[in-house]
């Protein structure tokens, strides 16, 4: 995978979660994922959310719906020697009819509260606003996830209100526009 496929920040590399990596992760091939990435993998990855929702959804999006990979998930790697896979950050498809894209993210427990999620969301948001047709970036948090809500607010997201998710329950919807 070329460096052009990645979004770089001072501490992170956001690597497209393409089909070979998805299939390796789905087969619980942590060693194969590590080999493909040339990175170590944080304990606990992939989480139940990645296994139950992201992997099947993204595989369907790529194989059946033919969604371009740039509008889907990325793996969050902490730069180092070697790099460490610490989470995921997703776009949930190309811009909708209003020019909005939705982002989701998850950082492994041992790496939370260190600013990695903020850094990844900020970088992906900036990337989105450099893509033609993107007018807004939306995120949803669990109602009880006040830490994630505070992070989004700090990054300039505005609270739109509640929304019921059939799998996750009550969510809070957030959105930001180009600065």
N, C-alpha and C. Protein backbone atom coordinates (compact mmCIF):
# COMPACT_ATOMS: atom_id res chain seq x y z
N UNK A 1 0.85 -1.18 0.00
CA UNK A 1 0.00 0.00 0.00
C UNK A 1 0.89 1.24 0.00
N UNK A 2 0.64 2.16 -0.88
CA UNK A 2 1.49 3.34 -0.99
C UNK A 2 1.16 4.34 0.10
N UNK A 3 2.13 5.19 0.39
CA UNK A 3 1.94 6.23 1.40
C UNK A 3 0.84 7.21 0.98
N UNK A 4 0.56 7.33 -0.33
CA UNK A 4 -0.49 8.23 -0.80
C UNK A 4 -1.86 7.78 -0.34
N UNK A 5 -2.01 6.50 -0.01
CA UNK A 5 -3.28 5.98 0.45
C UNK A 5 -3.56 6.34 1.91
N UNK A 6 -2.55 6.79 2.63
CA UNK A 6 -2.66 7.05 4.06
C UNK A 6 -2.88 8.53 4.35
N UNK A 7 -3.52 8.79 5.48
CA UNK A 7 -3.60 10.14 6.02
C UNK A 7 -2.62 10.16 7.18
N UNK A 8 -1.70 11.11 7.18
CA UNK A 8 -0.67 11.19 8.21
C UNK A 8 -0.93 12.34 9.16
N UNK A 9 -0.67 12.12 10.43
CA UNK A 9 -0.67 13.17 11.45
C UNK A 9 0.68 13.08 12.15
N UNK A 10 0.97 13.98 13.07
CA UNK A 10 2.27 13.86 13.76
C UNK A 10 2.47 12.50 14.45
N UNK A 11 1.40 11.92 15.01
CA UNK A 11 1.58 10.67 15.75
C UNK A 11 0.92 9.45 15.11
N UNK A 12 0.06 9.68 14.11
CA UNK A 12 -0.76 8.60 13.58
C UNK A 12 -0.64 8.45 12.07
N UNK A 13 -0.97 7.26 11.64
CA UNK A 13 -1.12 6.95 10.21
C UNK A 13 -2.49 6.28 10.08
N UNK A 14 -3.37 6.86 9.24
CA UNK A 14 -4.70 6.32 9.01
C UNK A 14 -4.66 5.57 7.68
N UNK A 15 -4.68 4.24 7.76
CA UNK A 15 -4.45 3.37 6.62
C UNK A 15 -5.79 2.81 6.13
N UNK A 16 -6.09 2.93 4.83
CA UNK A 16 -7.34 2.36 4.32
C UNK A 16 -7.48 0.88 4.70
N UNK A 17 -8.65 0.53 5.19
CA UNK A 17 -8.98 -0.82 5.63
C UNK A 17 -9.55 -1.56 4.43
N UNK A 18 -8.65 -1.94 3.51
CA UNK A 18 -9.05 -2.57 2.26
C UNK A 18 -9.42 -4.03 2.41
N UNK A 19 -9.86 -4.62 1.32
CA UNK A 19 -10.41 -5.97 1.34
C UNK A 19 -9.44 -7.02 1.89
N UNK A 20 -8.15 -7.06 1.52
CA UNK A 20 -7.27 -8.07 2.11
C UNK A 20 -7.18 -7.97 3.64
N UNK A 21 -7.13 -6.74 4.15
CA UNK A 21 -7.09 -6.55 5.61
C UNK A 21 -8.42 -6.93 6.24
N UNK A 22 -9.53 -6.57 5.60
CA UNK A 22 -10.85 -6.93 6.12
C UNK A 22 -11.03 -8.43 6.21
N UNK A 23 -10.65 -9.13 5.15
CA UNK A 23 -10.81 -10.58 5.13
C UNK A 23 -9.91 -11.25 6.16
N UNK A 24 -8.70 -10.73 6.33
CA UNK A 24 -7.80 -11.28 7.35
C UNK A 24 -8.36 -11.03 8.75
N UNK A 25 -8.89 -9.85 8.99
CA UNK A 25 -9.47 -9.53 10.30
C UNK A 25 -10.71 -10.37 10.56
N UNK A 26 -11.54 -10.57 9.55
CA UNK A 26 -12.77 -11.35 9.72
C UNK A 26 -12.44 -12.79 10.09
N UNK A 27 -11.36 -13.31 9.54
CA UNK A 27 -10.95 -14.68 9.84
C UNK A 27 -10.17 -14.73 11.16
N UNK A 28 -10.17 -13.61 11.90
CA UNK A 28 -9.44 -13.48 13.16
C UNK A 28 -7.96 -13.77 12.97
N UNK A 29 -7.47 -13.37 11.81
CA UNK A 29 -6.07 -13.56 11.50
C UNK A 29 -5.22 -12.38 11.93
N UNK A 30 -5.16 -12.16 13.25
CA UNK A 30 -4.38 -11.03 13.76
C UNK A 30 -2.94 -11.06 13.22
N UNK A 31 -2.36 -12.24 13.15
CA UNK A 31 -0.98 -12.34 12.66
C UNK A 31 -0.91 -11.90 11.20
N UNK A 32 -1.90 -12.27 10.41
CA UNK A 32 -1.93 -11.88 8.99
C UNK A 32 -2.16 -10.39 8.85
N UNK A 33 -3.05 -9.81 9.66
CA UNK A 33 -3.27 -8.36 9.64
C UNK A 33 -1.97 -7.65 9.99
N UNK A 34 -1.29 -8.12 11.03
CA UNK A 34 -0.01 -7.52 11.44
C UNK A 34 1.01 -7.61 10.31
N UNK A 35 1.05 -8.75 9.65
CA UNK A 35 1.99 -8.94 8.53
C UNK A 35 1.66 -8.00 7.38
N UNK A 36 0.39 -7.90 7.02
CA UNK A 36 -0.01 -7.03 5.91
C UNK A 36 0.30 -5.57 6.22
N UNK A 37 0.12 -5.18 7.48
CA UNK A 37 0.36 -3.78 7.88
C UNK A 37 1.82 -3.49 8.17
N UNK A 38 2.58 -4.53 8.52
CA UNK A 38 3.94 -4.31 9.01
C UNK A 38 3.90 -3.61 10.36
N UNK A 39 2.93 -4.01 11.20
CA UNK A 39 2.70 -3.35 12.48
C UNK A 39 2.32 -4.38 13.53
N UNK A 40 2.44 -3.97 14.79
CA UNK A 40 1.92 -4.77 15.89
C UNK A 40 0.45 -4.41 16.08
N UNK A 41 -0.27 -5.25 16.82
CA UNK A 41 -1.70 -5.01 17.04
C UNK A 41 -1.96 -4.93 18.54
N UNK A 42 -2.65 -3.87 18.94
CA UNK A 42 -2.99 -3.68 20.35
C UNK A 42 -3.85 -4.84 20.84
N UNK A 43 -3.62 -5.29 22.08
CA UNK A 43 -4.48 -6.33 22.65
C UNK A 43 -5.93 -5.87 22.63
N UNK A 44 -6.83 -6.79 22.32
CA UNK A 44 -8.25 -6.46 22.28
C UNK A 44 -8.76 -6.11 20.90
N UNK A 45 -7.87 -5.92 19.93
CA UNK A 45 -8.31 -5.61 18.58
C UNK A 45 -8.39 -6.89 17.78
N UNK A 46 -9.42 -7.14 17.01
CA UNK A 46 -10.58 -6.29 16.77
C UNK A 46 -11.62 -6.44 17.88
N UNK A 47 -12.28 -5.35 18.17
CA UNK A 47 -13.34 -5.34 19.18
C UNK A 47 -14.59 -6.02 18.62
N UNK A 48 -15.55 -6.27 19.50
CA UNK A 48 -16.82 -6.84 19.05
C UNK A 48 -17.51 -5.93 18.04
N UNK A 49 -17.42 -4.61 18.24
CA UNK A 49 -18.03 -3.67 17.31
C UNK A 49 -17.43 -3.77 15.92
N UNK A 50 -16.11 -3.92 15.85
CA UNK A 50 -15.44 -4.08 14.55
C UNK A 50 -15.88 -5.39 13.91
N UNK A 51 -15.88 -6.48 14.68
CA UNK A 51 -16.25 -7.79 14.15
C UNK A 51 -17.72 -7.85 13.74
N UNK A 52 -18.60 -7.33 14.61
CA UNK A 52 -20.04 -7.47 14.37
C UNK A 52 -20.61 -6.47 13.37
N UNK A 53 -20.04 -5.27 13.29
CA UNK A 53 -20.63 -4.22 12.46
C UNK A 53 -19.71 -3.76 11.32
N UNK A 54 -18.48 -3.36 11.66
CA UNK A 54 -17.63 -2.77 10.63
C UNK A 54 -17.21 -3.77 9.57
N UNK A 55 -16.71 -4.93 9.96
CA UNK A 55 -16.23 -5.89 8.96
C UNK A 55 -17.33 -6.30 7.98
N UNK A 56 -18.48 -6.79 8.46
CA UNK A 56 -19.50 -7.18 7.47
C UNK A 56 -20.01 -6.01 6.65
N UNK A 57 -20.20 -4.87 7.27
CA UNK A 57 -20.70 -3.70 6.54
C UNK A 57 -19.74 -3.21 5.49
N UNK A 58 -18.46 -3.18 5.83
CA UNK A 58 -17.48 -2.68 4.87
C UNK A 58 -17.22 -3.69 3.76
N UNK A 59 -17.22 -4.97 4.08
CA UNK A 59 -17.04 -5.99 3.03
C UNK A 59 -18.20 -5.90 2.04
N UNK A 60 -19.43 -5.77 2.54
CA UNK A 60 -20.60 -5.60 1.66
C UNK A 60 -20.46 -4.33 0.82
N UNK A 61 -20.04 -3.23 1.45
CA UNK A 61 -19.90 -1.96 0.73
C UNK A 61 -18.89 -2.09 -0.42
N UNK A 62 -17.80 -2.81 -0.18
CA UNK A 62 -16.76 -2.95 -1.21
C UNK A 62 -17.19 -3.95 -2.28
N UNK A 63 -17.61 -5.14 -1.86
CA UNK A 63 -17.86 -6.22 -2.81
C UNK A 63 -19.19 -6.09 -3.56
N UNK A 64 -20.23 -5.64 -2.88
CA UNK A 64 -21.56 -5.63 -3.50
C UNK A 64 -21.97 -4.23 -3.95
N UNK A 65 -21.80 -3.25 -3.07
CA UNK A 65 -22.25 -1.89 -3.39
C UNK A 65 -21.21 -1.10 -4.18
N UNK A 66 -19.98 -1.61 -4.25
CA UNK A 66 -18.89 -0.97 -5.00
C UNK A 66 -18.59 0.45 -4.51
N UNK A 67 -18.68 0.68 -3.20
CA UNK A 67 -18.35 1.98 -2.62
C UNK A 67 -16.84 2.16 -2.71
N UNK A 68 -16.35 3.28 -3.22
CA UNK A 68 -14.90 3.50 -3.27
C UNK A 68 -14.30 3.44 -1.87
N UNK A 69 -13.15 2.78 -1.76
CA UNK A 69 -12.49 2.56 -0.48
C UNK A 69 -12.26 3.86 0.29
N UNK A 70 -12.01 4.96 -0.42
CA UNK A 70 -11.73 6.22 0.28
C UNK A 70 -12.89 6.67 1.16
N UNK A 71 -14.12 6.18 0.90
CA UNK A 71 -15.30 6.58 1.68
C UNK A 71 -15.65 5.57 2.76
N UNK A 72 -14.71 4.70 3.09
CA UNK A 72 -14.98 3.67 4.09
C UNK A 72 -13.98 3.77 5.25
N UNK A 73 -13.62 2.63 5.82
CA UNK A 73 -12.83 2.61 7.04
C UNK A 73 -11.33 2.74 6.85
N UNK A 74 -10.71 3.17 7.92
CA UNK A 74 -9.25 3.24 8.00
C UNK A 74 -8.82 2.69 9.35
N UNK A 75 -7.67 2.08 9.35
CA UNK A 75 -7.07 1.60 10.58
C UNK A 75 -6.22 2.72 11.16
N UNK A 76 -6.25 2.88 12.48
CA UNK A 76 -5.48 3.92 13.16
C UNK A 76 -4.21 3.27 13.69
N UNK A 77 -3.07 3.67 13.12
CA UNK A 77 -1.78 3.15 13.55
C UNK A 77 -1.01 4.24 14.28
N UNK A 78 -0.52 3.91 15.45
CA UNK A 78 0.36 4.79 16.20
C UNK A 78 1.75 4.59 15.64
N UNK A 79 2.37 5.68 15.17
CA UNK A 79 3.69 5.58 14.57
C UNK A 79 4.73 5.16 15.60
N UNK A 80 5.62 4.31 15.20
CA UNK A 80 6.68 3.85 16.08
C UNK A 80 7.54 2.83 15.37
N UNK A 81 8.34 2.14 16.13
CA UNK A 81 9.20 1.09 15.57
C UNK A 81 8.92 -0.20 16.30
N UNK A 82 8.00 -0.99 15.88
CA UNK A 82 7.12 -0.83 14.72
C UNK A 82 5.88 -0.01 15.08
N UNK A 83 5.09 0.29 14.04
CA UNK A 83 3.80 0.94 14.27
C UNK A 83 2.90 -0.01 15.07
N UNK A 84 1.89 0.58 15.74
CA UNK A 84 0.94 -0.21 16.55
C UNK A 84 -0.48 0.12 16.10
N UNK A 85 -1.24 -0.91 15.69
CA UNK A 85 -2.65 -0.74 15.35
C UNK A 85 -3.42 -0.52 16.65
N UNK A 86 -4.03 0.68 16.81
CA UNK A 86 -4.71 1.01 18.07
C UNK A 86 -6.20 1.26 17.91
N UNK A 87 -6.72 1.21 16.68
CA UNK A 87 -8.14 1.46 16.52
C UNK A 87 -8.56 1.59 15.07
N UNK A 88 -9.79 2.08 14.90
CA UNK A 88 -10.35 2.28 13.57
C UNK A 88 -11.05 3.63 13.52
N UNK A 89 -11.12 4.18 12.32
CA UNK A 89 -11.92 5.37 12.06
C UNK A 89 -12.58 5.15 10.71
N UNK A 90 -13.89 5.34 10.66
CA UNK A 90 -14.66 5.00 9.46
C UNK A 90 -15.36 6.20 8.89
N UNK A 91 -15.46 6.20 7.60
CA UNK A 91 -16.51 6.97 6.92
C UNK A 91 -17.55 5.94 6.56
N UNK A 92 -18.79 6.30 6.65
CA UNK A 92 -19.87 5.33 6.43
C UNK A 92 -20.48 5.50 5.05
N UNK A 93 -19.60 5.83 4.09
CA UNK A 93 -20.03 5.97 2.71
C UNK A 93 -19.75 7.36 2.17
N UNK A 94 -19.99 7.55 0.87
CA UNK A 94 -19.75 8.85 0.24
C UNK A 94 -20.76 9.89 0.74
N UNK A 95 -20.55 11.15 0.37
CA UNK A 95 -21.47 12.20 0.81
C UNK A 95 -22.91 11.89 0.40
N UNK A 96 -23.86 12.22 1.31
CA UNK A 96 -25.28 12.05 1.00
C UNK A 96 -25.74 13.21 0.11
N UNK A 97 -27.02 13.28 -0.15
CA UNK A 97 -27.55 14.32 -1.05
C UNK A 97 -27.33 15.73 -0.52
N UNK A 98 -27.10 15.87 0.78
CA UNK A 98 -26.81 17.18 1.37
C UNK A 98 -25.31 17.46 1.48
N UNK A 99 -24.49 16.54 0.99
CA UNK A 99 -23.04 16.72 1.05
C UNK A 99 -22.44 16.33 2.39
N UNK A 100 -23.16 15.55 3.19
CA UNK A 100 -22.67 15.13 4.51
C UNK A 100 -22.10 13.72 4.45
N UNK A 101 -21.02 13.51 5.18
CA UNK A 101 -20.47 12.18 5.41
C UNK A 101 -20.52 11.93 6.91
N UNK A 102 -20.60 10.65 7.27
CA UNK A 102 -20.61 10.30 8.69
C UNK A 102 -19.32 9.59 9.06
N UNK A 103 -18.76 9.99 10.20
CA UNK A 103 -17.54 9.38 10.71
C UNK A 103 -17.86 8.63 11.99
N UNK A 104 -17.20 7.50 12.17
CA UNK A 104 -17.26 6.74 13.40
C UNK A 104 -15.84 6.37 13.78
N UNK A 105 -15.59 6.10 15.04
CA UNK A 105 -14.22 5.83 15.47
C UNK A 105 -14.24 5.00 16.74
N UNK A 106 -13.14 4.29 16.95
CA UNK A 106 -12.97 3.49 18.16
C UNK A 106 -11.48 3.30 18.39
N UNK A 107 -11.04 3.65 19.57
CA UNK A 107 -9.64 3.46 19.97
C UNK A 107 -9.62 2.40 21.06
N UNK A 108 -8.66 1.49 21.00
CA UNK A 108 -8.55 0.44 22.01
C UNK A 108 -8.37 1.05 23.40
N UNK A 109 -8.94 0.39 24.38
CA UNK A 109 -9.01 0.88 25.76
C UNK A 109 -7.67 1.41 26.29
N UNK A 110 -6.59 0.69 26.11
CA UNK A 110 -5.29 1.09 26.67
C UNK A 110 -4.75 2.37 26.05
N UNK A 111 -5.31 2.79 24.92
CA UNK A 111 -4.81 3.98 24.21
C UNK A 111 -5.77 5.15 24.28
N UNK A 112 -6.84 5.02 25.03
CA UNK A 112 -7.81 6.10 25.16
C UNK A 112 -7.31 7.18 26.10
N UNK A 113 -7.91 8.38 25.95
CA UNK A 113 -7.62 9.54 26.79
C UNK A 113 -6.18 10.05 26.61
N UNK A 114 -5.65 9.84 25.40
CA UNK A 114 -4.31 10.31 25.06
C UNK A 114 -4.34 11.23 23.84
N UNK A 115 -5.55 11.56 23.38
CA UNK A 115 -5.71 12.47 22.25
C UNK A 115 -5.66 11.81 20.88
N UNK A 116 -5.55 10.48 20.82
CA UNK A 116 -5.46 9.82 19.51
C UNK A 116 -6.77 9.91 18.73
N UNK A 117 -7.90 9.74 19.40
CA UNK A 117 -9.19 9.84 18.70
C UNK A 117 -9.37 11.26 18.16
N UNK A 118 -9.06 12.26 18.97
CA UNK A 118 -9.17 13.66 18.50
C UNK A 118 -8.30 13.90 17.28
N UNK A 119 -7.07 13.42 17.34
CA UNK A 119 -6.12 13.61 16.24
C UNK A 119 -6.63 12.93 14.97
N UNK A 120 -7.17 11.72 15.11
CA UNK A 120 -7.67 10.97 13.95
C UNK A 120 -8.92 11.63 13.37
N UNK A 121 -9.87 12.02 14.23
CA UNK A 121 -11.10 12.66 13.75
C UNK A 121 -10.77 13.98 13.06
N UNK A 122 -9.90 14.76 13.66
CA UNK A 122 -9.52 16.05 13.06
C UNK A 122 -8.88 15.85 11.68
N UNK A 123 -7.99 14.87 11.56
CA UNK A 123 -7.31 14.61 10.28
C UNK A 123 -8.30 14.12 9.23
N UNK A 124 -9.19 13.22 9.61
CA UNK A 124 -10.15 12.71 8.63
C UNK A 124 -11.16 13.79 8.24
N UNK A 125 -11.55 14.62 9.20
CA UNK A 125 -12.46 15.74 8.90
C UNK A 125 -11.80 16.67 7.87
N UNK A 126 -10.54 17.02 8.09
CA UNK A 126 -9.83 17.89 7.14
C UNK A 126 -9.74 17.24 5.77
N UNK A 127 -9.45 15.94 5.74
CA UNK A 127 -9.39 15.22 4.47
C UNK A 127 -10.75 15.31 3.78
N UNK A 128 -11.83 15.08 4.53
CA UNK A 128 -13.18 15.12 3.95
C UNK A 128 -13.46 16.47 3.29
N UNK A 129 -13.13 17.54 4.00
CA UNK A 129 -13.44 18.87 3.46
C UNK A 129 -12.57 19.24 2.28
N UNK A 130 -11.56 18.43 1.98
CA UNK A 130 -10.77 18.62 0.77
C UNK A 130 -11.28 17.78 -0.39
N UNK A 131 -12.37 17.03 -0.17
CA UNK A 131 -12.96 16.22 -1.22
C UNK A 131 -14.13 16.98 -1.84
N UNK A 132 -14.27 16.90 -3.16
CA UNK A 132 -15.38 17.59 -3.83
C UNK A 132 -16.74 17.15 -3.28
N UNK A 133 -17.61 18.12 -3.05
CA UNK A 133 -18.98 17.84 -2.66
C UNK A 133 -19.23 17.67 -1.18
N UNK A 134 -18.19 17.63 -0.36
CA UNK A 134 -18.40 17.44 1.09
C UNK A 134 -18.66 18.81 1.72
N UNK A 135 -19.83 18.92 2.36
CA UNK A 135 -20.24 20.18 3.00
C UNK A 135 -20.37 20.04 4.52
N UNK A 136 -20.38 18.80 5.01
CA UNK A 136 -20.51 18.57 6.45
C UNK A 136 -20.01 17.20 6.83
N UNK A 137 -19.56 17.09 8.08
CA UNK A 137 -19.14 15.81 8.64
C UNK A 137 -19.99 15.58 9.88
N UNK A 138 -20.60 14.42 9.95
CA UNK A 138 -21.50 14.07 11.04
C UNK A 138 -20.88 12.93 11.85
N UNK A 139 -21.20 12.90 13.13
CA UNK A 139 -20.79 11.81 14.03
C UNK A 139 -21.94 11.50 14.96
N UNK A 140 -21.99 10.28 15.45
CA UNK A 140 -23.00 9.89 16.43
C UNK A 140 -22.28 9.27 17.63
N UNK A 141 -22.75 9.60 18.82
CA UNK A 141 -22.19 9.01 20.03
C UNK A 141 -23.31 8.37 20.83
N UNK A 142 -22.96 7.39 21.61
CA UNK A 142 -23.92 6.86 22.57
C UNK A 142 -24.30 7.97 23.53
N UNK A 143 -25.54 7.97 23.96
CA UNK A 143 -26.04 9.02 24.85
C UNK A 143 -25.17 9.15 26.10
N UNK A 144 -24.69 8.03 26.62
CA UNK A 144 -23.91 8.04 27.85
C UNK A 144 -22.41 8.29 27.64
N UNK A 145 -21.95 8.40 26.40
CA UNK A 145 -20.52 8.58 26.13
C UNK A 145 -20.15 10.06 26.17
N UNK A 146 -20.10 10.62 27.36
CA UNK A 146 -19.84 12.05 27.52
C UNK A 146 -18.41 12.43 27.14
N UNK A 147 -17.48 11.49 27.24
CA UNK A 147 -16.09 11.78 26.86
C UNK A 147 -16.00 12.02 25.36
N UNK A 148 -16.62 11.17 24.58
CA UNK A 148 -16.62 11.34 23.12
C UNK A 148 -17.38 12.61 22.73
N UNK A 149 -18.48 12.89 23.43
CA UNK A 149 -19.24 14.11 23.14
C UNK A 149 -18.41 15.35 23.41
N UNK A 150 -17.67 15.35 24.50
CA UNK A 150 -16.81 16.50 24.82
C UNK A 150 -15.71 16.66 23.77
N UNK A 151 -15.17 15.55 23.30
CA UNK A 151 -14.14 15.61 22.27
C UNK A 151 -14.69 16.22 20.99
N UNK A 152 -15.87 15.77 20.56
CA UNK A 152 -16.47 16.31 19.33
C UNK A 152 -16.76 17.80 19.48
N UNK A 153 -17.27 18.19 20.63
CA UNK A 153 -17.54 19.60 20.87
C UNK A 153 -16.26 20.42 20.81
N UNK A 154 -15.19 19.90 21.39
CA UNK A 154 -13.89 20.59 21.36
C UNK A 154 -13.37 20.74 19.93
N UNK A 155 -13.71 19.77 19.07
CA UNK A 155 -13.28 19.81 17.67
C UNK A 155 -14.21 20.67 16.80
N UNK A 156 -15.23 21.29 17.41
CA UNK A 156 -16.09 22.19 16.65
C UNK A 156 -17.37 21.57 16.14
N UNK A 157 -17.67 20.34 16.53
CA UNK A 157 -18.93 19.72 16.14
C UNK A 157 -20.05 20.33 16.98
N UNK A 158 -21.20 20.51 16.36
CA UNK A 158 -22.39 21.03 17.04
C UNK A 158 -23.39 19.90 17.25
N UNK A 159 -23.99 19.89 18.41
CA UNK A 159 -24.99 18.88 18.74
C UNK A 159 -26.27 19.16 17.97
N UNK A 160 -26.75 18.14 17.20
CA UNK A 160 -28.00 18.28 16.46
C UNK A 160 -29.16 17.71 17.25
N UNK A 161 -28.93 16.69 18.05
CA UNK A 161 -30.00 16.12 18.84
C UNK A 161 -29.96 14.61 18.90
N UNK A 162 -30.96 14.00 19.54
CA UNK A 162 -30.98 12.55 19.70
C UNK A 162 -31.47 11.84 18.44
N UNK A 163 -31.08 10.56 18.37
CA UNK A 163 -31.52 9.69 17.29
C UNK A 163 -31.51 8.26 17.82
N UNK A 164 -32.48 7.49 17.46
CA UNK A 164 -32.56 6.09 17.93
C UNK A 164 -31.92 5.18 16.89
N UNK A 165 -30.96 4.37 17.33
CA UNK A 165 -30.33 3.38 16.47
C UNK A 165 -30.89 2.01 16.85
N UNK A 166 -31.33 1.20 15.88
CA UNK A 166 -31.96 -0.08 16.21
C UNK A 166 -31.01 -1.05 16.93
N UNK A 167 -29.71 -0.93 16.70
CA UNK A 167 -28.74 -1.83 17.33
C UNK A 167 -28.12 -1.26 18.59
N UNK A 168 -27.93 0.05 18.63
CA UNK A 168 -27.16 0.67 19.71
C UNK A 168 -27.99 1.46 20.71
N UNK A 169 -29.25 1.73 20.39
CA UNK A 169 -30.09 2.50 21.31
C UNK A 169 -30.01 3.99 21.01
N UNK A 170 -30.19 4.81 22.07
CA UNK A 170 -30.23 6.26 21.87
C UNK A 170 -28.83 6.82 21.61
N UNK A 171 -28.75 7.57 20.55
CA UNK A 171 -27.50 8.20 20.11
C UNK A 171 -27.69 9.71 20.10
N UNK A 172 -26.57 10.43 20.16
CA UNK A 172 -26.57 11.88 19.98
C UNK A 172 -25.86 12.16 18.66
N UNK A 173 -26.49 12.98 17.81
CA UNK A 173 -25.94 13.30 16.49
C UNK A 173 -25.22 14.64 16.58
N UNK A 174 -24.04 14.69 15.98
CA UNK A 174 -23.17 15.87 15.95
C UNK A 174 -22.81 16.18 14.50
N UNK A 175 -22.55 17.47 14.18
CA UNK A 175 -22.15 17.82 12.82
C UNK A 175 -21.24 19.04 12.85
N UNK A 176 -20.34 19.07 11.87
CA UNK A 176 -19.45 20.22 11.71
C UNK A 176 -19.38 20.57 10.23
N UNK A 177 -19.05 21.81 9.99
CA UNK A 177 -18.91 22.34 8.63
C UNK A 177 -17.46 22.78 8.45
N UNK A 178 -17.06 23.08 7.21
CA UNK A 178 -15.68 23.55 7.00
C UNK A 178 -15.42 24.80 7.80
N UNK A 179 -14.18 24.91 8.33
CA UNK A 179 -13.85 26.12 9.11
C UNK A 179 -13.36 27.25 8.25
